């Protein structure tokens, strides 16, 4: 493995390291330049910054997270990464008024709901097969059920 600890590009925000699974949502969303995008569960902001990069300085990103500490991290990251056309909301996306005029031009939603952390847990394994098979089995049945219910509430 390569270490980027202390790398100047990483420290400056010019290089962003993401887990493989974190690269998929924004790429799959593929918002066109000029789009207005809501990121429903934005912090810490890697996927949010990926969406902003795809917009290439056009359009707008509305980023939501309900945890104040994570919102502060999100704001810091967006500043560090140079994301300009963003509005951060420290509130639960589930309680947003869909009739709010600010969101009238929104055409895309990035919804990668509260995750299990399984990708991060999987990173501790050297062997890819072991990584993939064990990542899914790190949660208790009760935790997995609660997670599934929270995710379904967000997307339905």
C-alpha atoms as a PDB file:
ATOM      1  CA  UNK A   1       0.000   0.000   0.000  1.00  0.00           C
ATOM      2  CA  UNK A   2       1.075   3.541  -0.741  1.00  0.00           C
ATOM      3  CA  UNK A   3       1.007   6.098   2.034  1.00  0.00           C
ATOM      4  CA  UNK A   4      -0.106   9.626   1.228  1.00  0.00           C
ATOM      5  CA  UNK A   5       0.316  10.767   4.833  1.00  0.00           C
ATOM      6  CA  UNK A   6       1.627  14.336   4.730  1.00  0.00           C
ATOM      7  CA  UNK A   7       1.416  14.572   0.918  1.00  0.00           C
ATOM      8  CA  UNK A   8       1.273  18.229  -0.159  1.00  0.00           C
ATOM      9  CA  UNK A   9      -1.490  17.643  -2.741  1.00  0.00           C
ATOM     10  CA  UNK A  10      -3.617  15.817  -0.180  1.00  0.00           C
ATOM     11  CA  UNK A  11      -3.074  18.491   2.476  1.00  0.00           C
ATOM     12  CA  UNK A  12      -4.015  21.236  -0.016  1.00  0.00           C
ATOM     13  CA  UNK A  13      -7.245  19.482  -1.018  1.00  0.00           C
ATOM     14  CA  UNK A  14      -6.086  18.978  -4.616  1.00  0.00           C
ATOM     15  CA  UNK A  15      -6.098  15.212  -4.136  1.00  0.00           C
ATOM     16  CA  UNK A  16      -8.964  13.408  -2.418  1.00  0.00           C
ATOM     17  CA  UNK A  17      -8.678   9.783  -1.403  1.00  0.00           C
ATOM     18  CA  UNK A  18     -11.905   7.792  -1.431  1.00  0.00           C
ATOM     19  CA  UNK A  19     -12.786   4.195  -0.793  1.00  0.00           C
ATOM     20  CA  UNK A  20     -13.734   2.329  -3.973  1.00  0.00           C
ATOM     21  CA  UNK A  21     -17.395   2.169  -2.990  1.00  0.00           C
ATOM     22  CA  UNK A  22     -17.492   5.919  -2.342  1.00  0.00           C
ATOM     23  CA  UNK A  23     -16.642   6.700  -5.957  1.00  0.00           C
ATOM     24  CA  UNK A  24     -19.723   5.012  -7.390  1.00  0.00           C
ATOM     25  CA  UNK A  25     -22.708   7.169  -6.260  1.00  0.00           C
ATOM     26  CA  UNK A  26     -21.665  10.473  -7.870  1.00  0.00           C
ATOM     27  CA  UNK A  27     -20.438   8.741 -11.024  1.00  0.00           C
ATOM     28  CA  UNK A  28     -23.724   6.826 -11.285  1.00  0.00           C
ATOM     29  CA  UNK A  29     -25.711  10.025 -10.724  1.00  0.00           C
ATOM     30  CA  UNK A  30     -23.729  11.745 -13.497  1.00  0.00           C
ATOM     31  CA  UNK A  31     -25.281  15.198 -13.150  1.00  0.00           C
ATOM     32  CA  UNK A  32     -24.829  17.339 -16.265  1.00  0.00           C
ATOM     33  CA  UNK A  33     -23.084  20.689 -16.029  1.00  0.00           C
ATOM     34  CA  UNK A  34     -25.461  23.301 -14.660  1.00  0.00           C
ATOM     35  CA  UNK A  35     -27.546  20.810 -12.662  1.00  0.00           C
ATOM     36  CA  UNK A  36     -28.818  21.586  -9.189  1.00  0.00           C
ATOM     37  CA  UNK A  37     -28.174  18.603  -6.914  1.00  0.00           C
ATOM     38  CA  UNK A  38     -29.289  17.721  -3.403  1.00  0.00           C
ATOM     39  CA  UNK A  39     -26.949  15.492  -1.406  1.00  0.00           C
ATOM     40  CA  UNK A  40     -29.247  14.054   1.237  1.00  0.00           C
ATOM     41  CA  UNK A  41     -26.604  12.676   3.632  1.00  0.00           C
ATOM     42  CA  UNK A  42     -23.552  14.736   2.731  1.00  0.00           C
ATOM     43  CA  UNK A  43     -20.976  14.701   5.530  1.00  0.00           C
ATOM     44  CA  UNK A  44     -18.050  14.339   5.558  1.00  0.00           C
ATOM     45  CA  UNK A  45     -18.191  15.478   1.930  1.00  0.00           C
ATOM     46  CA  UNK A  46     -16.159  13.223  -0.345  1.00  0.00           C
ATOM     47  CA  UNK A  47     -19.151  12.291  -2.495  1.00  0.00           C
ATOM     48  CA  UNK A  48     -20.371  15.896  -2.315  1.00  0.00           C
ATOM     49  CA  UNK A  49     -17.054  17.185  -3.628  1.00  0.00           C
ATOM     50  CA  UNK A  50     -17.147  14.519  -6.354  1.00  0.00           C
ATOM     51  CA  UNK A  51     -20.557  15.817  -7.484  1.00  0.00           C
ATOM     52  CA  UNK A  52     -19.210  19.394  -7.425  1.00  0.00           C
ATOM     53  CA  UNK A  53     -16.225  18.303  -9.524  1.00  0.00           C
ATOM     54  CA  UNK A  54     -18.579  16.739 -12.066  1.00  0.00           C
ATOM     55  CA  UNK A  55     -20.512  20.027 -12.224  1.00  0.00           C
ATOM     56  CA  UNK A  56     -17.189  21.770 -12.937  1.00  0.00           C
ATOM     57  CA  UNK A  57     -18.081  25.094 -11.329  1.00  0.00           C
ATOM     58  CA  UNK A  58     -21.601  25.204 -12.769  1.00  0.00           C
ATOM     59  CA  UNK A  59     -24.938  24.481 -11.119  1.00  0.00           C
ATOM     60  CA  UNK A  60     -25.346  24.160  -7.378  1.00  0.00           C
ATOM     61  CA  UNK A  61     -25.079  21.555  -4.646  1.00  0.00           C
ATOM     62  CA  UNK A  62     -27.358  21.579  -1.605  1.00  0.00           C
ATOM     63  CA  UNK A  63     -25.702  19.423   1.046  1.00  0.00           C
ATOM     64  CA  UNK A  64     -27.614  18.129   4.076  1.00  0.00           C
ATOM     65  CA  UNK A  65     -26.458  16.489   7.270  1.00  0.00           C
ATOM     66  CA  UNK A  66     -28.254  16.504  10.591  1.00  0.00           C
ATOM     67  CA  UNK A  67     -25.202  16.204  12.840  1.00  0.00           C
ATOM     68  CA  UNK A  68     -23.665  19.602  13.768  1.00  0.00           C
ATOM     69  CA  UNK A  69     -20.127  18.227  14.139  1.00  0.00           C
ATOM     70  CA  UNK A  70     -20.333  16.460  10.792  1.00  0.00           C
ATOM     71  CA  UNK A  71     -21.731  19.645   9.198  1.00  0.00           C
ATOM     72  CA  UNK A  72     -18.717  21.561  10.441  1.00  0.00           C
ATOM     73  CA  UNK A  73     -16.455  18.894   8.938  1.00  0.00           C
ATOM     74  CA  UNK A  74     -18.431  19.135   5.703  1.00  0.00           C
ATOM     75  CA  UNK A  75     -18.006  22.922   5.577  1.00  0.00           C
ATOM     76  CA  UNK A  76     -14.262  22.644   6.275  1.00  0.00           C
ATOM     77  CA  UNK A  77     -13.836  20.009   3.588  1.00  0.00           C
ATOM     78  CA  UNK A  78     -15.739  22.030   0.987  1.00  0.00           C
ATOM     79  CA  UNK A  79     -13.560  25.065   1.761  1.00  0.00           C
ATOM     80  CA  UNK A  80     -10.422  22.938   1.581  1.00  0.00           C
ATOM     81  CA  UNK A  81     -11.501  21.382  -1.722  1.00  0.00           C
ATOM     82  CA  UNK A  82     -12.442  24.781  -3.173  1.00  0.00           C
ATOM     83  CA  UNK A  83     -16.124  23.953  -3.698  1.00  0.00           C
ATOM     84  CA  UNK A  84     -17.908  27.271  -4.222  1.00  0.00           C
ATOM     85  CA  UNK A  85     -21.450  26.614  -5.481  1.00  0.00           C
ATOM     86  CA  UNK A  86     -22.650  24.809  -2.374  1.00  0.00           C
ATOM     87  CA  UNK A  87     -25.108  25.487   0.411  1.00  0.00           C
ATOM     88  CA  UNK A  88     -24.745  23.373   3.552  1.00  0.00           C
ATOM     89  CA  UNK A  89     -27.802  22.678   5.688  1.00  0.00           C
ATOM     90  CA  UNK A  90     -27.335  21.292   9.169  1.00  0.00           C
ATOM     91  CA  UNK A  91     -30.686  19.570   9.325  1.00  0.00           C
ATOM     92  CA  UNK A  92     -32.366  16.284   8.609  1.00  0.00           C
ATOM     93  CA  UNK A  93     -33.156  16.064   4.903  1.00  0.00           C
ATOM     94  CA  UNK A  94     -36.340  14.195   5.803  1.00  0.00           C
ATOM     95  CA  UNK A  95     -37.793  17.440   7.200  1.00  0.00           C
ATOM     96  CA  UNK A  96     -37.113  19.713   4.215  1.00  0.00           C
ATOM     97  CA  UNK A  97     -40.055  21.430   2.570  1.00  0.00           C
ATOM     98  CA  UNK A  98     -40.089  20.180  -1.038  1.00  0.00           C
ATOM     99  CA  UNK A  99     -41.966  23.365  -2.032  1.00  0.00           C
ATOM    100  CA  UNK A 100     -39.088  25.581  -0.820  1.00  0.00           C
ATOM    101  CA  UNK A 101     -38.223  27.917  -3.716  1.00  0.00           C
ATOM    102  CA  UNK A 102     -34.478  27.380  -3.172  1.00  0.00           C
ATOM    103  CA  UNK A 103     -34.859  23.842  -4.494  1.00  0.00           C
ATOM    104  CA  UNK A 104     -37.073  24.642  -7.496  1.00  0.00           C
ATOM    105  CA  UNK A 105     -34.288  23.923 -10.005  1.00  0.00           C
ATOM    106  CA  UNK A 106     -33.140  20.637  -8.417  1.00  0.00           C
ATOM    107  CA  UNK A 107     -33.010  17.847 -10.955  1.00  0.00           C
ATOM    108  CA  UNK A 108     -30.752  15.307  -9.219  1.00  0.00           C
ATOM    109  CA  UNK A 109     -30.553  13.740  -5.767  1.00  0.00           C
ATOM    110  CA  UNK A 110     -27.525  11.974  -4.358  1.00  0.00           C
ATOM    111  CA  UNK A 111     -28.789   9.680  -1.667  1.00  0.00           C
ATOM    112  CA  UNK A 112     -26.192   7.413  -0.161  1.00  0.00           C
ATOM    113  CA  UNK A 113     -27.969   7.010   3.163  1.00  0.00           C
ATOM    114  CA  UNK A 114     -26.458   6.394   6.512  1.00  0.00           C
ATOM    115  CA  UNK A 115     -24.002   3.655   5.882  1.00  0.00           C
ATOM    116  CA  UNK A 116     -23.019   0.661   7.924  1.00  0.00           C
ATOM    117  CA  UNK A 117     -19.354   1.576   7.905  1.00  0.00           C
ATOM    118  CA  UNK A 118     -18.765  -1.837   6.359  1.00  0.00           C
ATOM    119  CA  UNK A 119     -16.487  -0.371   3.722  1.00  0.00           C
ATOM    120  CA  UNK A 120     -14.282   1.102   6.414  1.00  0.00           C
ATOM    121  CA  UNK A 121     -14.322  -2.144   8.355  1.00  0.00           C
ATOM    122  CA  UNK A 122     -13.377  -4.022   5.213  1.00  0.00           C
ATOM    123  CA  UNK A 123     -10.287  -1.860   4.749  1.00  0.00           C
ATOM    124  CA  UNK A 124      -8.570  -3.688   7.575  1.00  0.00           C
ATOM    125  CA  UNK A 125      -8.294  -6.893   5.531  1.00  0.00           C
ATOM    126  CA  UNK A 126      -5.353  -7.490   3.207  1.00  0.00           C
ATOM    127  CA  UNK A 127      -7.034 -10.125   1.034  1.00  0.00           C
ATOM    128  CA  UNK A 128      -9.706  -8.747  -1.347  1.00  0.00           C
ATOM    129  CA  UNK A 129     -11.914 -11.852  -1.082  1.00  0.00           C
ATOM    130  CA  UNK A 130     -11.758 -11.747   2.699  1.00  0.00           C
ATOM    131  CA  UNK A 131     -12.419  -7.985   2.562  1.00  0.00           C
ATOM    132  CA  UNK A 132     -15.557  -8.396   0.476  1.00  0.00           C
ATOM    133  CA  UNK A 133     -16.949 -11.375   2.341  1.00  0.00           C
ATOM    134  CA  UNK A 134     -16.337 -10.021   5.834  1.00  0.00           C
ATOM    135  CA  UNK A 135     -17.486  -6.453   5.167  1.00  0.00           C
ATOM    136  CA  UNK A 136     -21.095  -7.540   4.896  1.00  0.00           C
ATOM    137  CA  UNK A 137     -20.969  -9.601   8.091  1.00  0.00           C
ATOM    138  CA  UNK A 138     -19.792  -6.998  10.595  1.00  0.00           C
ATOM    139  CA  UNK A 139     -23.225  -5.917  11.843  1.00  0.00           C
ATOM    140  CA  UNK A 140     -25.544  -7.689  14.213  1.00  0.00           C
ATOM    141  CA  UNK A 141     -28.934  -8.753  12.848  1.00  0.00           C
ATOM    142  CA  UNK A 142     -30.610  -6.020  14.919  1.00  0.00           C
ATOM    143  CA  UNK A 143     -28.197  -3.329  13.692  1.00  0.00           C
ATOM    144  CA  UNK A 144     -28.645  -4.441  10.098  1.00  0.00           C
ATOM    145  CA  UNK A 145     -32.452  -4.307  10.447  1.00  0.00           C
ATOM    146  CA  UNK A 146     -32.330  -0.806  11.989  1.00  0.00           C
ATOM    147  CA  UNK A 147     -30.006   0.345   9.222  1.00  0.00           C
ATOM    148  CA  UNK A 148     -32.271  -1.092   6.522  1.00  0.00           C
ATOM    149  CA  UNK A 149     -35.298   0.677   8.023  1.00  0.00           C
ATOM    150  CA  UNK A 150     -33.461   4.031   8.202  1.00  0.00           C
ATOM    151  CA  UNK A 151     -32.261   3.700   4.604  1.00  0.00           C
ATOM    152  CA  UNK A 152     -35.738   2.777   3.351  1.00  0.00           C
ATOM    153  CA  UNK A 153     -37.258   5.794   5.141  1.00  0.00           C
ATOM    154  CA  UNK A 154     -34.844   8.085   3.340  1.00  0.00           C
ATOM    155  CA  UNK A 155     -35.365   6.781  -0.166  1.00  0.00           C
ATOM    156  CA  UNK A 156     -39.100   6.028  -0.090  1.00  0.00           C
END
